[in-house]
Amino acid sequence: MSVTKVLCVLGTRPEAIKIAPVIHALNLEPKSFQTRVLATAQHRRMLDQMLAVFSISPDTDLDLMRPGQELAELTGRVLAGMTEYLSAHRFDLVLAQGDTTTAMVTALACFYARIPFGHIEAGLRTGDLSAPYPEEFNRRVIALATKYHFAPTASAADNLLKERILPELIFITGNTVIDALFYILHGTESPPHPIPEGREYVLMTCHRREIFGDRIREVFATVRDYFSRHREIFLWYPVHPNPEVAGPAYEILSGLSNIILTEPLDYIAFSHAMNGARLLLSDSGGVQEEAPALGKPVLVLRDVTERPEGVAAGTCLLVGPHRDRIEAGLNRLLFDPREYERMARARNPYGDGKAAGRIVAALKGEPFEPWRG
């Protein structure tokens, strides 16, 4: 039996988290797959932290990150680097995850090189090219160049069918982020954290490009005002290092004893921080998937989401970067026990921790039970 030569490409922390279970699953099948890992290092420091967490050492590192890099510049460097690498090495299949510049350009490079491409977390859509930006554009481009579409949910698969992707090329697997989350929580101890013993806290992430400027300042001002009125509850915000985020965050949110600003957390610390939180206030796509697996409601700081399953299931509530909706959502989940329990106990629609195994089974041509949420 021939061995399939697979290249797994990653560039950012979220990609590393979600493709790591697939890399591990492929490595468990050495008679079927010869697996290599390439890092573009689109995000250098955060990527390195994550690779260490999952004990993954890239076989090749393009080291493409530059300070203050613009999207067009990054896109050009990734395309040149991937094209050169793929022309020098033969692979039967290339895998990438998500909707980053790394994933989009890798799919494009594979299309040019006529190498089959497999997309992990395929089919997510908002229908608005500007939200999130540039991810919605990236994932639509990726779909055009993809042979194997690994959709995390039935809803994502339906999006692909509407775009006339052949049904036999779509595989509903669940989301690999749940595989990664369980791997971490079951295999590591919770590190020390800054919240006083026995006190409830809201965990926040806020970093998306589409709310930079006045809207992110409005989010921070809303949070400051709310938690200044409710000093008994803590807010923990690991601040994203982008100056467009960190500058206004420290300017507006500093100075309150119950608002804790810290450096970004590694994945182990963040997973345990989620597990200990009362709820999440977040614009992160990954958090919308991970928190429901832990029974944690999410107030989503976005007007639209490419992950509507969480909203439909009742685990996530869209509040956008809007003062009235953020405050109403916090009141609803912090002071109405019935509402909190309703969201906390809602069915997790995103996965059961077995997505990577389904992806490997699909690549081997073996039957598997699709994730049904």
Protein backbone atom coordinates (compact mmCIF):
# COMPACT_ATOMS: atom_id res chain seq x y z
CA MET A 1 0.00 0.00 0.00
CA SER A 2 1.41 3.40 -0.99
CA VAL A 3 2.07 6.05 1.63
CA THR A 4 0.39 9.45 1.14
CA LYS A 5 2.80 12.35 1.56
CA VAL A 6 0.98 15.09 3.46
CA LEU A 7 2.12 18.63 4.21
CA CYS A 8 0.39 20.41 7.12
CA VAL A 9 0.77 24.21 6.95
CA LEU A 10 0.22 26.62 9.84
CA GLY A 11 1.06 30.22 10.57
CA THR A 12 -0.84 31.52 13.58
CA ARG A 13 -1.75 30.43 17.10
CA PRO A 14 -5.38 29.49 16.23
CA GLU A 15 -4.21 27.42 13.27
CA ALA A 16 -1.72 25.56 15.44
CA ILE A 17 -4.39 24.78 18.02
CA LYS A 18 -6.84 23.42 15.48
CA ILE A 19 -4.47 21.52 13.21
CA ALA A 20 -2.40 19.99 16.03
CA PRO A 21 -4.90 17.16 16.69
CA VAL A 22 -4.85 16.31 12.97
CA ILE A 23 -1.03 16.23 12.90
CA HIS A 24 -1.02 13.90 15.90
CA ALA A 25 -3.68 11.67 14.32
CA LEU A 26 -1.74 11.46 11.05
CA ASN A 27 1.45 10.59 12.91
CA LEU A 28 -0.36 7.63 14.47
CA GLU A 29 -0.79 6.19 10.96
CA PRO A 30 2.80 5.91 9.62
CA LYS A 31 1.87 3.10 7.23
CA SER A 32 -0.67 5.35 5.54
CA PHE A 33 0.80 8.85 5.84
CA GLN A 34 4.19 10.49 5.74
CA THR A 35 3.53 13.82 7.42
CA ARG A 36 5.56 17.02 7.28
CA VAL A 37 4.81 20.33 9.00
CA LEU A 38 5.57 23.78 7.57
CA ALA A 39 5.25 27.02 9.54
CA THR A 40 4.94 30.35 7.79
CA ALA A 41 5.24 32.12 11.17
CA GLN A 42 2.59 34.68 10.23
CA HIS A 43 2.44 35.26 14.01
CA ARG A 44 5.86 34.41 15.41
CA ARG A 45 5.73 34.49 19.22
CA MET A 46 2.20 33.18 19.69
CA LEU A 47 2.78 30.42 17.15
CA ASP A 48 5.95 29.23 18.87
CA GLN A 49 4.16 29.04 22.23
CA MET A 50 1.44 26.88 20.74
CA LEU A 51 3.75 24.49 18.92
CA ALA A 52 5.57 23.87 22.20
CA VAL A 53 2.28 23.15 23.99
CA PHE A 54 1.41 20.41 21.48
CA SER A 55 5.00 19.14 21.12
CA ILE A 56 5.12 19.91 17.41
CA SER A 57 8.39 20.88 15.71
CA PRO A 58 7.97 22.18 12.14
CA ASP A 59 10.14 20.48 9.56
CA THR A 60 10.34 23.82 7.73
CA ASP A 61 9.92 27.37 9.03
CA LEU A 62 9.59 30.16 6.46
CA ASP A 63 9.85 32.79 9.25
CA LEU A 64 7.83 35.37 7.31
CA MET A 65 6.63 37.68 10.10
CA ARG A 66 7.80 41.30 9.92
CA PRO A 67 7.01 44.18 12.31
CA GLY A 68 3.97 46.20 11.23
CA GLN A 69 3.30 43.96 8.25
CA GLU A 70 0.41 44.88 5.95
CA LEU A 71 -1.89 42.25 4.46
CA ALA A 72 -0.73 42.78 0.88
CA GLU A 73 2.92 42.53 1.88
CA LEU A 74 2.32 39.39 3.94
CA THR A 75 0.27 37.81 1.16
CA GLY A 76 3.07 38.33 -1.34
CA ARG A 77 5.73 36.86 0.93
CA VAL A 78 3.65 33.80 1.82
CA LEU A 79 2.83 33.14 -1.85
CA ALA A 80 6.48 33.42 -2.88
CA GLY A 81 7.65 31.21 -0.01
CA MET A 82 4.99 28.54 -0.49
CA THR A 83 5.46 28.45 -4.26
CA GLU A 84 9.20 27.95 -3.91
CA TYR A 85 8.76 25.24 -1.29
CA LEU A 86 6.09 23.31 -3.20
CA SER A 87 8.18 23.39 -6.38
CA ALA A 88 11.11 21.82 -4.50
CA HIS A 89 9.18 19.08 -2.65
CA ARG A 90 6.59 16.57 -3.80
CA PHE A 91 3.41 16.11 -1.78
CA ASP A 92 0.22 14.20 -2.53
CA LEU A 93 -1.87 16.48 -0.34
CA VAL A 94 -1.57 19.76 1.56
CA LEU A 95 -3.71 20.55 4.61
CA ALA A 96 -4.36 23.91 6.25
CA GLN A 97 -6.91 25.17 8.73
CA GLY A 98 -9.20 28.16 8.98
CA ASP A 99 -9.31 31.52 7.25
CA THR A 100 -5.97 33.23 7.78
CA THR A 101 -3.72 34.73 5.13
CA THR A 102 -1.52 31.64 5.52
CA ALA A 103 -4.43 29.28 4.78
CA MET A 104 -5.75 31.34 1.85
CA VAL A 105 -2.36 31.74 0.17
CA THR A 106 -1.46 28.08 0.74
CA ALA A 107 -4.66 27.05 -1.03
CA LEU A 108 -3.81 29.41 -3.89
CA ALA A 109 -0.24 28.08 -4.15
CA CYS A 110 -1.58 24.52 -4.26
CA PHE A 111 -4.00 25.50 -7.02
CA TYR A 112 -1.16 26.95 -9.07
CA ALA A 113 0.99 23.86 -8.41
CA ARG A 114 -1.94 21.46 -9.07
CA ILE A 115 -1.56 19.79 -5.68
CA PRO A 116 -4.77 18.62 -3.92
CA PHE A 117 -5.63 20.84 -0.95
CA GLY A 118 -7.68 19.88 2.11
CA HIS A 119 -9.38 22.58 4.17
CA ILE A 120 -9.95 21.96 7.87
CA GLU A 121 -12.89 24.01 9.23
CA ALA A 122 -14.42 24.54 5.80
CA GLY A 123 -17.74 26.22 5.06
CA LEU A 124 -17.90 28.99 7.67
CA ARG A 125 -19.68 32.06 6.27
CA THR A 126 -21.20 35.34 7.41
CA GLY A 127 -22.23 36.50 3.94
CA ASP A 128 -20.47 39.84 4.49
CA LEU A 129 -16.99 40.26 3.00
CA SER A 130 -16.21 43.02 5.49
CA ALA A 131 -17.13 41.07 8.63
CA PRO A 132 -14.91 39.57 9.70
CA TYR A 133 -12.19 41.21 7.64
CA PRO A 134 -10.27 39.74 5.85
CA GLU A 135 -11.33 36.26 6.98
CA GLU A 136 -14.62 36.05 5.09
CA PHE A 137 -12.86 36.84 1.82
CA ASN A 138 -10.10 34.34 2.63
CA ARG A 139 -12.43 31.42 3.25
CA ARG A 140 -14.40 32.02 0.06
CA VAL A 141 -11.17 32.01 -1.95
CA ILE A 142 -9.99 28.89 -0.13
CA ALA A 143 -13.15 27.00 -1.08
CA LEU A 144 -12.47 27.59 -4.78
CA ALA A 145 -9.09 25.87 -4.52
CA THR A 146 -10.06 23.04 -2.15
CA LYS A 147 -10.52 19.38 -3.03
CA TYR A 148 -11.40 18.01 0.42
CA HIS A 149 -13.71 20.17 2.55
CA PHE A 150 -13.71 19.17 6.24
CA ALA A 151 -16.78 21.00 7.54
CA PRO A 152 -17.13 21.24 11.33
CA THR A 153 -20.95 21.27 11.31
CA ALA A 154 -23.93 20.48 9.10
CA SER A 155 -24.58 24.20 8.74
CA ALA A 156 -21.07 24.74 7.37
CA ALA A 157 -21.60 21.84 4.96
CA ASP A 158 -24.86 23.42 3.78
CA ASN A 159 -22.97 26.63 2.98
CA LEU A 160 -20.62 24.66 0.76
CA LEU A 161 -23.48 22.87 -0.99
CA LYS A 162 -25.03 26.26 -1.76
CA GLU A 163 -21.76 27.18 -3.44
CA ARG A 164 -22.08 24.06 -5.61
CA ILE A 165 -19.34 22.05 -3.94
CA LEU A 166 -19.88 18.38 -4.75
CA PRO A 167 -21.41 16.51 -1.78
CA GLU A 168 -18.87 13.69 -2.04
CA LEU A 169 -16.06 16.18 -1.34
CA ILE A 170 -17.63 17.46 1.91
CA PHE A 171 -17.02 15.66 5.22
CA ILE A 172 -18.78 16.72 8.44
CA THR A 173 -16.27 16.08 11.19
CA GLY A 174 -16.96 18.34 14.18
CA ASN A 175 -14.41 20.99 15.08
CA THR A 176 -10.86 20.01 15.94
CA VAL A 177 -10.72 22.83 18.50
CA ILE A 178 -12.74 20.62 20.88
CA ASP A 179 -10.17 17.84 20.42
CA ALA A 180 -7.43 20.33 21.35
CA LEU A 181 -9.33 21.74 24.32
CA PHE A 182 -9.95 18.33 25.88
CA TYR A 183 -6.30 17.39 25.25
CA ILE A 184 -5.17 20.42 27.27
CA LEU A 185 -7.68 20.29 30.12
CA HIS A 186 -7.22 16.58 30.70
CA GLY A 187 -3.44 16.67 30.43
CA THR A 188 -2.34 19.81 32.30
CA GLU A 189 -2.76 21.53 35.64
CA SER A 190 -4.31 24.98 35.97
CA PRO A 191 -1.53 27.57 36.39
CA PRO A 192 -1.80 30.39 38.97
CA HIS A 193 -4.09 33.25 37.95
CA PRO A 194 -4.70 36.81 39.18
CA ILE A 195 -8.33 36.50 40.34
CA PRO A 196 -8.79 36.35 44.14
CA GLU A 197 -9.76 32.95 45.47
CA GLY A 198 -13.51 32.30 45.34
CA ARG A 199 -14.40 35.40 43.30
CA GLU A 200 -16.42 35.20 40.07
CA TYR A 201 -14.96 36.67 36.93
CA VAL A 202 -15.82 37.42 33.32
CA LEU A 203 -13.06 36.53 30.86
CA MET A 204 -12.75 38.90 27.89
CA THR A 205 -11.00 38.79 24.53
CA CYS A 206 -11.22 41.65 22.06
CA HIS A 207 -8.93 42.04 19.08
CA ARG A 208 -10.68 41.93 15.67
CA ARG A 209 -9.63 44.40 12.99
CA GLU A 210 -13.17 45.40 12.04
CA ILE A 211 -13.74 47.16 15.38
CA PHE A 212 -10.41 49.00 15.60
CA GLY A 213 -10.80 52.71 16.33
CA ASP A 214 -13.94 54.25 17.80
CA ARG A 215 -15.80 50.95 18.20
CA ILE A 216 -13.14 49.22 20.28
CA ARG A 217 -12.91 52.33 22.46
CA GLU A 218 -16.69 52.14 22.95
CA VAL A 219 -16.40 48.49 24.01
CA PHE A 220 -13.71 49.33 26.55
CA ALA A 221 -15.62 52.36 27.87
CA THR A 222 -18.75 50.24 28.29
CA VAL A 223 -16.82 47.56 30.16
CA ARG A 224 -15.16 50.12 32.44
CA ASP A 225 -18.47 51.78 33.29
CA TYR A 226 -20.21 48.46 33.93
CA PHE A 227 -17.56 46.96 36.19
CA SER A 228 -17.09 50.24 38.06
CA ARG A 229 -20.75 49.83 39.10
CA HIS A 230 -20.35 46.12 39.95
CA ARG A 231 -17.16 45.98 41.95
CA GLU A 232 -18.03 42.57 43.38
CA ILE A 233 -17.40 40.92 39.97
CA PHE A 234 -13.99 40.78 38.30
CA LEU A 235 -13.14 41.19 34.63
CA TRP A 236 -9.98 39.48 33.39
CA TYR A 237 -8.69 40.74 30.06
CA PRO A 238 -5.49 39.24 28.57
CA VAL A 239 -4.68 42.17 26.26
CA HIS A 240 -3.85 41.46 22.63
CA PRO A 241 -0.41 42.92 21.75
CA ASN A 242 -1.55 44.77 18.61
CA PRO A 243 -1.06 48.51 19.36
CA GLU A 244 -4.54 49.23 17.96
CA VAL A 245 -5.87 47.12 20.84
CA ALA A 246 -3.33 47.49 23.62
CA GLY A 247 -3.15 51.31 23.45
CA PRO A 248 -6.84 52.04 24.12
CA ALA A 249 -7.15 49.02 26.45
CA TYR A 250 -4.57 50.27 28.90
CA GLU A 251 -5.71 53.87 28.50
CA ILE A 252 -9.38 53.16 29.25
CA LEU A 253 -9.40 50.05 31.45
CA SER A 254 -6.52 50.69 33.83
CA GLY A 255 -7.08 51.81 37.40
CA LEU A 256 -10.01 49.67 38.62
CA SER A 257 -9.16 46.99 41.16
CA ASN A 258 -11.69 44.53 39.70
CA ILE A 259 -10.48 44.88 36.09
CA ILE A 260 -7.36 42.76 35.66
CA LEU A 261 -5.25 43.43 32.56
CA THR A 262 -2.56 40.87 31.80
CA GLU A 263 -0.26 39.86 29.00
CA PRO A 264 -1.73 37.40 26.47
CA LEU A 265 -2.14 33.90 27.90
CA ASP A 266 -0.70 30.77 26.38
CA TYR A 267 -3.23 28.15 25.38
CA ILE A 268 -2.89 26.09 28.55
CA ALA A 269 -3.53 29.11 30.77
CA PHE A 270 -6.35 30.41 28.58
CA SER A 271 -8.11 27.04 28.49
CA HIS A 272 -8.07 26.83 32.28
CA ALA A 273 -9.09 30.50 32.55
CA MET A 274 -12.13 29.74 30.38
CA ASN A 275 -12.96 26.72 32.46
CA GLY A 276 -12.97 28.83 35.64
CA ALA A 277 -14.86 31.83 34.27
CA ARG A 278 -18.51 32.64 34.88
CA LEU A 279 -18.92 33.65 31.23
CA LEU A 280 -16.97 34.95 28.23
CA LEU A 281 -17.17 38.38 26.59
CA SER A 282 -15.40 37.87 23.28
CA ASP A 283 -15.06 38.62 19.59
CA SER A 284 -13.05 35.42 19.02
CA GLY A 285 -14.32 32.72 16.71
CA GLY A 286 -12.52 29.98 18.62
CA VAL A 287 -14.03 31.04 21.95
CA GLN A 288 -17.52 30.69 20.45
CA GLU A 289 -16.68 27.03 19.85
CA GLU A 290 -14.64 26.21 22.96
CA ALA A 291 -16.69 27.85 25.72
CA PRO A 292 -19.91 25.89 24.97
CA ALA A 293 -17.95 22.66 25.42
CA LEU A 294 -17.25 23.84 28.97
CA GLY A 295 -20.79 25.02 29.69
CA LYS A 296 -19.76 28.70 29.58
CA PRO A 297 -22.09 31.23 27.91
CA VAL A 298 -20.54 33.67 25.44
CA LEU A 299 -21.51 37.28 24.77
CA VAL A 300 -20.16 37.80 21.25
CA LEU A 301 -18.78 41.27 20.54
CA ARG A 302 -19.78 41.04 16.87
CA ASP A 303 -22.89 41.85 14.87
CA VAL A 304 -22.56 38.77 12.66
CA THR A 305 -20.84 35.44 13.12
CA GLU A 306 -19.71 32.69 10.80
CA ARG A 307 -20.55 30.30 13.64
CA PRO A 308 -24.35 30.61 13.83
CA GLU A 309 -24.74 27.18 15.39
CA GLY A 310 -23.85 28.55 18.83
CA VAL A 311 -26.42 31.32 18.55
CA ALA A 312 -29.07 28.87 17.35
CA ALA A 313 -28.26 26.42 20.15
CA GLY A 314 -28.44 29.19 22.74
CA THR A 315 -24.82 29.00 23.94
CA CYS A 316 -23.82 32.34 22.36
CA LEU A 317 -25.54 35.72 22.23
CA LEU A 318 -24.60 38.41 19.70
CA VAL A 319 -24.20 41.78 21.40
CA GLY A 320 -21.83 43.50 18.98
CA PRO A 321 -19.68 46.46 20.04
CA HIS A 322 -22.81 48.22 21.37
CA ARG A 323 -23.15 49.63 24.88
CA ASP A 324 -26.83 48.84 25.44
CA ARG A 325 -26.57 45.25 24.22
CA ILE A 326 -23.35 44.52 26.12
CA GLU A 327 -24.81 45.81 29.37
CA ALA A 328 -28.09 43.95 28.83
CA GLY A 329 -26.22 40.73 28.12
CA LEU A 330 -24.06 41.07 31.22
CA ASN A 331 -27.10 41.77 33.39
CA ARG A 332 -28.90 38.80 31.90
CA LEU A 333 -26.08 36.34 32.62
CA LEU A 334 -24.73 37.73 35.88
CA PHE A 335 -28.01 38.43 37.69
CA ASP A 336 -30.67 36.13 36.21
CA PRO A 337 -29.88 32.55 37.31
CA ARG A 338 -32.50 31.00 35.03
CA GLU A 339 -31.11 32.74 31.96
CA TYR A 340 -27.60 31.74 32.92
CA GLU A 341 -28.55 28.09 33.39
CA ARG A 342 -30.44 28.06 30.12
CA MET A 343 -27.35 29.16 28.18
CA ALA A 344 -24.83 27.18 30.24
CA ARG A 345 -26.74 23.93 29.75
CA ALA A 346 -27.48 24.40 26.06
CA ARG A 347 -26.27 21.67 23.74
CA ASN A 348 -22.72 22.12 22.45
CA PRO A 349 -23.06 22.12 18.64
CA TYR A 350 -19.38 22.08 17.72
CA GLY A 351 -17.81 18.75 18.49
CA ASP A 352 -17.11 15.75 20.69
CA GLY A 353 -13.31 15.64 20.62
CA LYS A 354 -13.13 13.11 17.76
CA ALA A 355 -12.89 15.41 14.73
CA ALA A 356 -9.25 14.63 13.91
CA GLY A 357 -9.99 10.92 13.74
CA ARG A 358 -12.84 11.57 11.31
CA ILE A 359 -10.55 13.67 9.09
CA VAL A 360 -7.94 10.91 8.97
CA ALA A 361 -10.63 8.31 8.23
CA ALA A 362 -11.90 10.45 5.35
CA LEU A 363 -8.37 10.77 3.93
CA LYS A 364 -7.99 6.98 4.10
CA GLY A 365 -11.31 6.51 2.34
CA GLU A 366 -12.79 4.77 5.36
CA PRO A 367 -16.41 5.21 6.46
CA PHE A 368 -17.12 7.18 9.62
CA GLU A 369 -20.16 8.52 11.44
CA PRO A 370 -20.43 12.27 10.63
CA TRP A 371 -20.67 14.74 13.50
CA ARG A 372 -24.34 15.57 13.98
CA GLY A 373 -24.14 18.14 16.78
